[in-house]
Amino acid sequence: MSFYFRPNEFVDCEEPIDHKGNKTAKDVANGHGCVKFGGSRYEDVEKTKVWCAVLPRIECHGPKKFARTGVPCVK
């Protein structure tokens, strides 16, 4: 188990930011957010980073707020 593994049921993550086709806005946001949502195949779906926080009263070893990578851009 990774030091930074946190099961989904113990964290609350923000929804991906919709940059509405503006790649520059995603670059300015350090890779957070989506230029487009969805795709016809999973391989075509853009992935992004979102901010997550460990739920209150959940003990963890590590930061309580962190960026999760590889989140698919789907609504």
N, C-alpha and C. Protein backbone atom coordinates (compact mmCIF):
# COMPACT_ATOMS: atom_id res chain seq x y z
N MET A 1 0.85 -1.17 0.00
CA MET A 1 0.00 0.00 0.00
C MET A 1 0.89 1.24 0.00
N SER A 2 0.56 2.16 -0.85
CA SER A 2 1.31 3.39 -0.98
C SER A 2 1.09 4.28 0.24
N PHE A 3 2.09 5.06 0.57
CA PHE A 3 2.00 6.02 1.66
C PHE A 3 0.86 7.00 1.42
N TYR A 4 0.59 7.32 0.16
CA TYR A 4 -0.43 8.31 -0.17
C TYR A 4 -1.75 7.70 -0.60
N PHE A 5 -1.98 6.42 -0.34
CA PHE A 5 -3.24 5.79 -0.71
C PHE A 5 -4.32 6.20 0.27
N ARG A 6 -5.40 6.74 -0.26
CA ARG A 6 -6.56 7.09 0.56
C ARG A 6 -7.80 6.58 -0.17
N PRO A 7 -8.53 5.64 0.42
CA PRO A 7 -9.74 5.12 -0.24
C PRO A 7 -10.75 6.23 -0.53
N ASN A 8 -11.44 6.11 -1.64
CA ASN A 8 -12.41 7.12 -2.07
C ASN A 8 -13.47 7.42 -1.02
N GLU A 9 -13.87 6.42 -0.24
CA GLU A 9 -14.94 6.66 0.73
C GLU A 9 -14.49 7.52 1.91
N PHE A 10 -13.18 7.79 2.03
CA PHE A 10 -12.67 8.60 3.13
C PHE A 10 -12.22 9.99 2.70
N VAL A 11 -12.45 10.34 1.43
CA VAL A 11 -12.03 11.65 0.95
C VAL A 11 -13.17 12.34 0.21
N ASP A 12 -13.10 13.66 0.17
CA ASP A 12 -14.04 14.48 -0.58
C ASP A 12 -13.22 15.24 -1.61
N CYS A 13 -13.50 15.02 -2.90
CA CYS A 13 -12.73 15.66 -3.97
C CYS A 13 -13.59 16.68 -4.72
N GLU A 14 -12.95 17.76 -5.14
CA GLU A 14 -13.63 18.76 -5.95
C GLU A 14 -13.95 18.18 -7.32
N GLU A 15 -14.95 18.73 -7.96
CA GLU A 15 -15.25 18.37 -9.34
C GLU A 15 -14.17 18.98 -10.24
N PRO A 16 -13.81 18.33 -11.35
CA PRO A 16 -12.83 18.94 -12.27
C PRO A 16 -13.33 20.28 -12.79
N ILE A 17 -12.42 21.22 -12.91
CA ILE A 17 -12.73 22.55 -13.44
C ILE A 17 -12.96 22.43 -14.94
N ASP A 18 -13.99 23.08 -15.46
CA ASP A 18 -14.28 23.08 -16.90
C ASP A 18 -13.66 24.33 -17.50
N HIS A 19 -12.57 24.15 -18.25
CA HIS A 19 -11.90 25.28 -18.91
C HIS A 19 -12.51 25.60 -20.27
N LYS A 20 -13.54 24.86 -20.67
CA LYS A 20 -14.31 25.14 -21.89
C LYS A 20 -13.44 25.33 -23.12
N GLY A 21 -12.50 24.39 -23.32
CA GLY A 21 -11.67 24.40 -24.52
C GLY A 21 -10.44 25.29 -24.43
N ASN A 22 -10.21 25.96 -23.31
CA ASN A 22 -9.10 26.88 -23.17
C ASN A 22 -7.89 26.18 -22.55
N LYS A 23 -6.98 25.67 -23.40
CA LYS A 23 -5.79 24.96 -22.93
C LYS A 23 -4.88 25.86 -22.10
N THR A 24 -4.79 27.13 -22.46
CA THR A 24 -3.95 28.07 -21.71
C THR A 24 -4.42 28.18 -20.27
N ALA A 25 -5.73 28.20 -20.05
CA ALA A 25 -6.27 28.28 -18.69
C ALA A 25 -5.87 27.06 -17.88
N LYS A 26 -5.85 25.88 -18.49
CA LYS A 26 -5.42 24.67 -17.80
C LYS A 26 -3.94 24.76 -17.45
N ASP A 27 -3.13 25.27 -18.37
CA ASP A 27 -1.70 25.42 -18.11
C ASP A 27 -1.46 26.38 -16.95
N VAL A 28 -2.20 27.48 -16.91
CA VAL A 28 -2.07 28.46 -15.83
C VAL A 28 -2.49 27.84 -14.49
N ALA A 29 -3.43 26.91 -14.52
CA ALA A 29 -3.92 26.24 -13.31
C ALA A 29 -3.05 25.04 -12.94
N ASN A 30 -1.83 24.97 -13.48
CA ASN A 30 -0.89 23.88 -13.17
C ASN A 30 -1.46 22.49 -13.44
N GLY A 31 -2.21 22.36 -14.54
CA GLY A 31 -2.74 21.07 -14.94
C GLY A 31 -4.05 20.67 -14.29
N HIS A 32 -4.60 21.54 -13.46
CA HIS A 32 -5.89 21.24 -12.84
C HIS A 32 -7.00 21.66 -13.79
N GLY A 33 -7.95 20.75 -14.04
CA GLY A 33 -9.10 21.07 -14.87
C GLY A 33 -9.08 20.36 -16.21
N CYS A 34 -10.16 20.52 -16.94
CA CYS A 34 -10.37 19.82 -18.20
C CYS A 34 -10.60 20.80 -19.33
N VAL A 35 -9.97 20.54 -20.47
CA VAL A 35 -10.22 21.33 -21.67
C VAL A 35 -11.50 20.84 -22.33
N LYS A 36 -11.73 19.51 -22.28
CA LYS A 36 -12.98 18.94 -22.80
C LYS A 36 -13.40 17.78 -21.91
N PHE A 37 -14.68 17.48 -21.91
CA PHE A 37 -15.22 16.39 -21.12
C PHE A 37 -15.67 15.26 -22.03
N GLY A 38 -15.54 14.03 -21.53
CA GLY A 38 -16.04 12.86 -22.23
C GLY A 38 -15.18 12.44 -23.40
N GLY A 39 -15.69 11.46 -24.13
CA GLY A 39 -15.02 10.88 -25.28
C GLY A 39 -15.75 9.62 -25.68
N SER A 40 -15.50 9.15 -26.88
CA SER A 40 -16.20 7.96 -27.34
C SER A 40 -15.60 6.68 -26.75
N ARG A 41 -14.32 6.73 -26.35
CA ARG A 41 -13.67 5.58 -25.70
C ARG A 41 -12.94 6.09 -24.46
N TYR A 42 -12.76 5.19 -23.48
CA TYR A 42 -12.09 5.60 -22.24
C TYR A 42 -10.70 6.15 -22.52
N GLU A 43 -10.00 5.56 -23.48
CA GLU A 43 -8.65 6.01 -23.82
C GLU A 43 -8.64 7.45 -24.34
N ASP A 44 -9.76 7.91 -24.86
CA ASP A 44 -9.86 9.27 -25.41
C ASP A 44 -10.23 10.31 -24.35
N VAL A 45 -10.62 9.88 -23.17
CA VAL A 45 -11.06 10.80 -22.12
C VAL A 45 -9.84 11.45 -21.48
N GLU A 46 -9.86 12.78 -21.43
CA GLU A 46 -8.78 13.54 -20.80
C GLU A 46 -8.76 13.24 -19.30
N LYS A 47 -7.58 13.23 -18.71
CA LYS A 47 -7.40 13.03 -17.28
C LYS A 47 -6.86 14.33 -16.68
N THR A 48 -7.16 14.58 -15.41
CA THR A 48 -6.75 15.81 -14.76
C THR A 48 -6.38 15.58 -13.31
N LYS A 49 -5.99 16.66 -12.63
CA LYS A 49 -5.74 16.65 -11.19
C LYS A 49 -6.87 17.42 -10.52
N VAL A 50 -7.29 16.94 -9.36
CA VAL A 50 -8.28 17.65 -8.55
C VAL A 50 -7.79 17.69 -7.11
N TRP A 51 -8.25 18.68 -6.35
CA TRP A 51 -7.91 18.78 -4.94
C TRP A 51 -8.89 17.95 -4.13
N CYS A 52 -8.35 17.17 -3.19
CA CYS A 52 -9.16 16.34 -2.31
C CYS A 52 -8.77 16.61 -0.87
N ALA A 53 -9.68 16.32 0.04
CA ALA A 53 -9.42 16.47 1.47
C ALA A 53 -9.96 15.24 2.19
N VAL A 54 -9.22 14.80 3.18
CA VAL A 54 -9.66 13.68 4.01
C VAL A 54 -10.84 14.16 4.85
N LEU A 55 -11.86 13.32 4.97
CA LEU A 55 -13.06 13.68 5.73
C LEU A 55 -12.73 13.93 7.20
N PRO A 56 -13.52 14.79 7.85
CA PRO A 56 -13.29 15.05 9.28
C PRO A 56 -13.37 13.76 10.09
N ARG A 57 -12.62 13.70 11.14
CA ARG A 57 -12.57 12.57 12.07
C ARG A 57 -11.95 11.31 11.47
N ILE A 58 -11.36 11.40 10.28
CA ILE A 58 -10.62 10.28 9.70
C ILE A 58 -9.14 10.56 9.96
N GLU A 59 -8.49 9.65 10.64
CA GLU A 59 -7.07 9.81 10.91
C GLU A 59 -6.27 9.32 9.71
N CYS A 60 -5.21 10.05 9.40
CA CYS A 60 -4.36 9.61 8.30
C CYS A 60 -2.93 10.02 8.60
N HIS A 61 -2.03 9.33 7.97
CA HIS A 61 -0.61 9.64 8.10
C HIS A 61 -0.21 10.35 6.82
N GLY A 62 -0.13 11.67 6.88
CA GLY A 62 0.17 12.46 5.71
C GLY A 62 -0.73 13.68 5.65
N PRO A 63 -0.64 14.43 4.56
CA PRO A 63 -1.43 15.65 4.45
C PRO A 63 -2.92 15.36 4.36
N LYS A 64 -3.72 16.23 4.98
CA LYS A 64 -5.19 16.09 4.93
C LYS A 64 -5.76 16.64 3.63
N LYS A 65 -5.03 17.53 2.94
CA LYS A 65 -5.44 18.06 1.65
C LYS A 65 -4.35 17.71 0.64
N PHE A 66 -4.76 17.20 -0.52
CA PHE A 66 -3.79 16.72 -1.50
C PHE A 66 -4.39 16.77 -2.90
N ALA A 67 -3.54 16.71 -3.91
CA ALA A 67 -3.99 16.66 -5.30
C ALA A 67 -4.04 15.20 -5.74
N ARG A 68 -5.16 14.78 -6.29
CA ARG A 68 -5.29 13.43 -6.85
C ARG A 68 -5.15 13.55 -8.36
N THR A 69 -4.29 12.74 -8.95
CA THR A 69 -4.04 12.79 -10.39
C THR A 69 -4.79 11.66 -11.09
N GLY A 70 -4.93 11.79 -12.41
CA GLY A 70 -5.54 10.75 -13.22
C GLY A 70 -7.05 10.68 -13.12
N VAL A 71 -7.69 11.76 -12.68
CA VAL A 71 -9.15 11.78 -12.56
C VAL A 71 -9.74 12.03 -13.95
N PRO A 72 -10.65 11.14 -14.43
CA PRO A 72 -11.22 11.32 -15.76
C PRO A 72 -12.12 12.55 -15.84
N CYS A 73 -12.08 13.22 -16.98
CA CYS A 73 -12.92 14.40 -17.23
C CYS A 73 -14.27 13.94 -17.77
N VAL A 74 -15.14 13.54 -16.85
CA VAL A 74 -16.51 13.14 -17.19
C VAL A 74 -17.45 13.85 -16.23
N LYS A 75 -18.68 14.08 -16.71
CA LYS A 75 -19.69 14.73 -15.85
C LYS A 75 -20.72 13.71 -15.46
